[in-house]
Amino acid sequence: MTEPNGSTLHKSDPDEPSSGVGTTLQTARTGPQEPLATRGRTTIADGVVEKIAGIAAREVPGINALGGGFTRTVGAVRDRVPGGHASAGRGVKVEVGEKQTAIDLQVVIAYGVSIREVAAEVRENVIAAVERMTGLEVVEVNIAVNDVHLPEEDTSETSGDRVL
């Protein structure tokens, strides 16, 4: 013969006051839960931060290009190769940790603009974009101005005619 062990399910009547039976399980389900961020791990590759920073830097008026002379030359050749495409991270170097990142930019500034003002705007735009999209704290954005782009450089490169 079997004896009841007291582990039967108790279905409460909605009109019946709660006796406390089953509240432990209910509290465990609906009680304080861990924040979603602690339920797994998210890693962000350096290349992701490089692209975000590169795009954000190019959005600033007064920035003509990113990268040093050699980087731009290699990039221009790569862009002309069939199937090649421009790299959004060109001229950007980053160090990414678990919670912070540091960014180094090499830029070419358009002639006639204030380098100090453009650099400040680039720094502000890059920090805002990276922090908003990744959640990482940007500890520094170092900007190296490698060249000044002159307006007449555009016409001499695009004309292609040596003799008129």
C-alpha atoms as a PDB file:
ATOM      1  CA  MET A   1       0.000   0.000   0.000  1.00  0.00           C
ATOM      2  CA  THR A   2       1.292   3.446  -0.791  1.00  0.00           C
ATOM      3  CA  GLU A   3       1.258   6.287   1.612  1.00  0.00           C
ATOM      4  CA  PRO A   4       0.909   9.903   0.573  1.00  0.00           C
ATOM      5  CA  ASN A   5       4.220  11.710   0.973  1.00  0.00           C
ATOM      6  CA  GLY A   6       2.795  15.203   0.850  1.00  0.00           C
ATOM      7  CA  SER A   7       4.292  15.994  -2.565  1.00  0.00           C
ATOM      8  CA  THR A   8       1.023  16.336  -4.399  1.00  0.00           C
ATOM      9  CA  LEU A   9       0.443  19.379  -6.559  1.00  0.00           C
ATOM     10  CA  HIS A  10      -1.772  21.956  -5.003  1.00  0.00           C
ATOM     11  CA  LYS A  11      -3.947  23.866  -7.432  1.00  0.00           C
ATOM     12  CA  SER A  12      -5.155  26.975  -5.737  1.00  0.00           C
ATOM     13  CA  ASP A  13      -8.545  28.433  -6.252  1.00  0.00           C
ATOM     14  CA  PRO A  14      -8.338  32.036  -7.465  1.00  0.00           C
ATOM     15  CA  ASP A  15     -10.687  33.081  -4.668  1.00  0.00           C
ATOM     16  CA  GLU A  16      -8.715  31.186  -2.004  1.00  0.00           C
ATOM     17  CA  PRO A  17      -6.082  33.134  -0.079  1.00  0.00           C
ATOM     18  CA  SER A  18      -2.538  31.998  -0.739  1.00  0.00           C
ATOM     19  CA  SER A  19      -1.157  29.599   1.827  1.00  0.00           C
ATOM     20  CA  GLY A  20       2.446  30.016   0.786  1.00  0.00           C
ATOM     21  CA  VAL A  21       2.611  26.593  -0.876  1.00  0.00           C
ATOM     22  CA  GLY A  22       4.607  26.818  -4.090  1.00  0.00           C
ATOM     23  CA  THR A  23       5.781  30.366  -3.516  1.00  0.00           C
ATOM     24  CA  THR A  24       9.412  29.325  -3.294  1.00  0.00           C
ATOM     25  CA  LEU A  25       9.359  28.054  -6.852  1.00  0.00           C
ATOM     26  CA  GLN A  26       7.390  31.060  -8.046  1.00  0.00           C
ATOM     27  CA  THR A  27       9.796  33.462  -6.341  1.00  0.00           C
ATOM     28  CA  ALA A  28      12.731  31.705  -7.927  1.00  0.00           C
ATOM     29  CA  ARG A  29      11.210  32.215 -11.371  1.00  0.00           C
ATOM     30  CA  THR A  30      10.027  35.776 -11.029  1.00  0.00           C
ATOM     31  CA  GLY A  31      12.429  37.040  -8.385  1.00  0.00           C
ATOM     32  CA  PRO A  32      15.478  39.121  -9.114  1.00  0.00           C
ATOM     33  CA  GLN A  33      17.178  37.806 -12.222  1.00  0.00           C
ATOM     34  CA  GLU A  34      20.671  38.371 -13.414  1.00  0.00           C
ATOM     35  CA  PRO A  35      20.999  41.215 -15.907  1.00  0.00           C
ATOM     36  CA  LEU A  36      21.073  39.999 -19.490  1.00  0.00           C
ATOM     37  CA  ALA A  37      24.657  41.241 -19.885  1.00  0.00           C
ATOM     38  CA  THR A  38      25.895  38.693 -17.360  1.00  0.00           C
ATOM     39  CA  ARG A  39      24.268  35.749 -19.121  1.00  0.00           C
ATOM     40  CA  GLY A  40      26.952  35.451 -21.724  1.00  0.00           C
ATOM     41  CA  ARG A  41      29.980  37.104 -23.178  1.00  0.00           C
ATOM     42  CA  THR A  42      30.268  39.503 -26.094  1.00  0.00           C
ATOM     43  CA  THR A  43      33.597  40.091 -27.762  1.00  0.00           C
ATOM     44  CA  ILE A  44      34.223  42.846 -30.291  1.00  0.00           C
ATOM     45  CA  ALA A  45      36.990  42.363 -32.842  1.00  0.00           C
ATOM     46  CA  ASP A  46      39.538  45.090 -33.458  1.00  0.00           C
ATOM     47  CA  GLY A  47      38.389  45.321 -37.088  1.00  0.00           C
ATOM     48  CA  VAL A  48      34.861  46.240 -36.005  1.00  0.00           C
ATOM     49  CA  VAL A  49      36.085  49.174 -33.937  1.00  0.00           C
ATOM     50  CA  GLU A  50      38.449  50.181 -36.774  1.00  0.00           C
ATOM     51  CA  LYS A  51      35.580  50.351 -39.258  1.00  0.00           C
ATOM     52  CA  ILE A  52      33.323  52.314 -36.927  1.00  0.00           C
ATOM     53  CA  ALA A  53      36.101  54.795 -36.135  1.00  0.00           C
ATOM     54  CA  GLY A  54      37.096  55.114 -39.810  1.00  0.00           C
ATOM     55  CA  ILE A  55      33.566  55.814 -40.967  1.00  0.00           C
ATOM     56  CA  ALA A  56      32.970  58.297 -38.131  1.00  0.00           C
ATOM     57  CA  ALA A  57      36.222  60.148 -38.928  1.00  0.00           C
ATOM     58  CA  ARG A  58      35.375  60.406 -42.643  1.00  0.00           C
ATOM     59  CA  GLU A  59      31.987  61.962 -41.802  1.00  0.00           C
ATOM     60  CA  VAL A  60      33.696  65.109 -40.507  1.00  0.00           C
ATOM     61  CA  PRO A  61      34.002  67.974 -43.020  1.00  0.00           C
ATOM     62  CA  GLY A  62      37.654  68.819 -43.626  1.00  0.00           C
ATOM     63  CA  ILE A  63      38.875  65.218 -43.636  1.00  0.00           C
ATOM     64  CA  ASN A  64      40.080  64.351 -47.112  1.00  0.00           C
ATOM     65  CA  ALA A  65      41.364  60.824 -46.467  1.00  0.00           C
ATOM     66  CA  LEU A  66      42.633  58.461 -43.801  1.00  0.00           C
ATOM     67  CA  GLY A  67      46.019  56.763 -43.770  1.00  0.00           C
ATOM     68  CA  GLY A  68      49.621  57.668 -44.358  1.00  0.00           C
ATOM     69  CA  GLY A  69      51.178  58.055 -47.791  1.00  0.00           C
ATOM     70  CA  PHE A  70      52.144  54.391 -48.202  1.00  0.00           C
ATOM     71  CA  THR A  71      48.817  53.156 -46.818  1.00  0.00           C
ATOM     72  CA  ARG A  72      46.902  55.384 -49.239  1.00  0.00           C
ATOM     73  CA  THR A  73      49.041  54.248 -52.182  1.00  0.00           C
ATOM     74  CA  VAL A  74      48.517  50.566 -51.430  1.00  0.00           C
ATOM     75  CA  GLY A  75      44.813  51.232 -50.827  1.00  0.00           C
ATOM     76  CA  ALA A  76      44.457  53.059 -54.140  1.00  0.00           C
ATOM     77  CA  VAL A  77      46.002  50.112 -55.976  1.00  0.00           C
ATOM     78  CA  ARG A  78      43.736  47.675 -54.112  1.00  0.00           C
ATOM     79  CA  ASP A  79      40.678  49.789 -54.974  1.00  0.00           C
ATOM     80  CA  ARG A  80      41.487  49.577 -58.702  1.00  0.00           C
ATOM     81  CA  VAL A  81      41.932  45.812 -58.736  1.00  0.00           C
ATOM     82  CA  PRO A  82      38.773  44.025 -59.910  1.00  0.00           C
ATOM     83  CA  GLY A  83      36.942  42.755 -56.851  1.00  0.00           C
ATOM     84  CA  GLY A  84      38.872  45.104 -54.571  1.00  0.00           C
ATOM     85  CA  HIS A  85      37.063  47.562 -52.358  1.00  0.00           C
ATOM     86  CA  ALA A  86      37.884  50.478 -50.122  1.00  0.00           C
ATOM     87  CA  SER A  87      38.663  49.567 -46.534  1.00  0.00           C
ATOM     88  CA  ALA A  88      36.722  51.540 -43.950  1.00  0.00           C
ATOM     89  CA  GLY A  89      39.477  50.825 -41.424  1.00  0.00           C
ATOM     90  CA  ARG A  90      42.329  52.218 -43.513  1.00  0.00           C
ATOM     91  CA  GLY A  91      44.445  54.627 -41.468  1.00  0.00           C
ATOM     92  CA  VAL A  92      42.941  53.419 -38.181  1.00  0.00           C
ATOM     93  CA  LYS A  93      44.689  51.370 -35.520  1.00  0.00           C
ATOM     94  CA  VAL A  94      42.918  50.257 -32.357  1.00  0.00           C
ATOM     95  CA  GLU A  95      43.586  48.392 -29.155  1.00  0.00           C
ATOM     96  CA  VAL A  96      40.459  46.757 -27.771  1.00  0.00           C
ATOM     97  CA  GLY A  97      40.156  45.435 -24.231  1.00  0.00           C
ATOM     98  CA  GLU A  98      37.160  44.002 -22.418  1.00  0.00           C
ATOM     99  CA  LYS A  99      35.701  47.386 -21.466  1.00  0.00           C
ATOM    100  CA  GLN A 100      37.927  50.024 -23.078  1.00  0.00           C
ATOM    101  CA  THR A 101      39.522  50.885 -26.388  1.00  0.00           C
ATOM    102  CA  ALA A 102      42.205  53.266 -27.637  1.00  0.00           C
ATOM    103  CA  ILE A 103      42.214  54.557 -31.209  1.00  0.00           C
ATOM    104  CA  ASP A 104      44.979  55.983 -33.412  1.00  0.00           C
ATOM    105  CA  LEU A 105      44.035  57.785 -36.636  1.00  0.00           C
ATOM    106  CA  GLN A 106      46.207  58.951 -39.527  1.00  0.00           C
ATOM    107  CA  VAL A 107      44.413  61.662 -41.471  1.00  0.00           C
ATOM    108  CA  VAL A 108      44.805  63.949 -44.449  1.00  0.00           C
ATOM    109  CA  ILE A 109      43.204  67.353 -43.870  1.00  0.00           C
ATOM    110  CA  ALA A 110      41.831  69.584 -46.610  1.00  0.00           C
ATOM    111  CA  TYR A 111      43.836  72.764 -47.149  1.00  0.00           C
ATOM    112  CA  GLY A 112      42.377  75.879 -45.543  1.00  0.00           C
ATOM    113  CA  VAL A 113      40.559  74.310 -42.595  1.00  0.00           C
ATOM    114  CA  SER A 114      41.585  74.630 -38.968  1.00  0.00           C
ATOM    115  CA  ILE A 115      43.474  71.466 -38.083  1.00  0.00           C
ATOM    116  CA  ARG A 116      42.752  71.959 -34.394  1.00  0.00           C
ATOM    117  CA  GLU A 117      38.985  72.321 -34.962  1.00  0.00           C
ATOM    118  CA  VAL A 118      38.773  69.385 -37.391  1.00  0.00           C
ATOM    119  CA  ALA A 119      40.797  67.172 -35.041  1.00  0.00           C
ATOM    120  CA  ALA A 120      38.514  68.059 -32.115  1.00  0.00           C
ATOM    121  CA  GLU A 121      35.419  67.306 -34.201  1.00  0.00           C
ATOM    122  CA  VAL A 122      36.890  64.003 -35.438  1.00  0.00           C
ATOM    123  CA  ARG A 123      37.750  63.015 -31.864  1.00  0.00           C
ATOM    124  CA  GLU A 124      34.231  63.860 -30.666  1.00  0.00           C
ATOM    125  CA  ASN A 125      32.510  62.033 -33.555  1.00  0.00           C
ATOM    126  CA  VAL A 126      34.676  58.911 -33.241  1.00  0.00           C
ATOM    127  CA  ILE A 127      34.192  58.670 -29.469  1.00  0.00           C
ATOM    128  CA  ALA A 128      30.423  59.095 -29.780  1.00  0.00           C
ATOM    129  CA  ALA A 129      30.083  56.497 -32.550  1.00  0.00           C
ATOM    130  CA  VAL A 130      32.321  53.854 -30.952  1.00  0.00           C
ATOM    131  CA  GLU A 131      30.825  54.215 -27.470  1.00  0.00           C
ATOM    132  CA  ARG A 132      27.258  54.202 -28.790  1.00  0.00           C
ATOM    133  CA  MET A 133      27.697  51.192 -31.060  1.00  0.00           C
ATOM    134  CA  THR A 134      30.010  49.018 -28.952  1.00  0.00           C
ATOM    135  CA  GLY A 135      29.482  50.097 -25.355  1.00  0.00           C
ATOM    136  CA  LEU A 136      33.257  50.287 -24.949  1.00  0.00           C
ATOM    137  CA  GLU A 137      34.765  53.270 -23.174  1.00  0.00           C
ATOM    138  CA  VAL A 138      37.087  55.170 -25.513  1.00  0.00           C
ATOM    139  CA  VAL A 139      40.051  56.178 -23.378  1.00  0.00           C
ATOM    140  CA  GLU A 140      41.903  58.095 -26.089  1.00  0.00           C
ATOM    141  CA  VAL A 141      41.793  59.068 -29.744  1.00  0.00           C
ATOM    142  CA  ASN A 142      45.209  60.054 -31.067  1.00  0.00           C
ATOM    143  CA  ILE A 143      45.199  61.904 -34.381  1.00  0.00           C
ATOM    144  CA  ALA A 144      48.254  62.202 -36.610  1.00  0.00           C
ATOM    145  CA  VAL A 145      47.866  64.673 -39.484  1.00  0.00           C
ATOM    146  CA  ASN A 146      50.088  63.216 -42.199  1.00  0.00           C
ATOM    147  CA  ASP A 147      49.284  65.490 -45.110  1.00  0.00           C
ATOM    148  CA  VAL A 148      47.314  68.482 -46.324  1.00  0.00           C
ATOM    149  CA  HIS A 149      45.219  67.940 -49.434  1.00  0.00           C
ATOM    150  CA  LEU A 150      45.510  70.770 -51.951  1.00  0.00           C
ATOM    151  CA  PRO A 151      42.579  71.528 -54.292  1.00  0.00           C
ATOM    152  CA  GLU A 152      44.795  71.434 -57.403  1.00  0.00           C
ATOM    153  CA  GLU A 153      45.841  67.844 -56.574  1.00  0.00           C
ATOM    154  CA  ASP A 154      42.363  66.694 -57.657  1.00  0.00           C
ATOM    155  CA  THR A 155      42.572  68.261 -61.117  1.00  0.00           C
ATOM    156  CA  SER A 156      46.076  66.994 -61.947  1.00  0.00           C
ATOM    157  CA  GLU A 157      45.210  63.416 -60.949  1.00  0.00           C
ATOM    158  CA  THR A 158      41.951  63.283 -62.875  1.00  0.00           C
ATOM    159  CA  SER A 159      42.919  65.010 -66.115  1.00  0.00           C
ATOM    160  CA  GLY A 160      45.050  62.127 -67.399  1.00  0.00           C
ATOM    161  CA  ASP A 161      46.178  64.173 -70.425  1.00  0.00           C
ATOM    162  CA  ARG A 162      49.890  64.876 -70.545  1.00  0.00           C
ATOM    163  CA  VAL A 163      49.888  66.819 -73.768  1.00  0.00           C
ATOM    164  CA  LEU A 164      47.149  69.143 -74.933  1.00  0.00           C
END
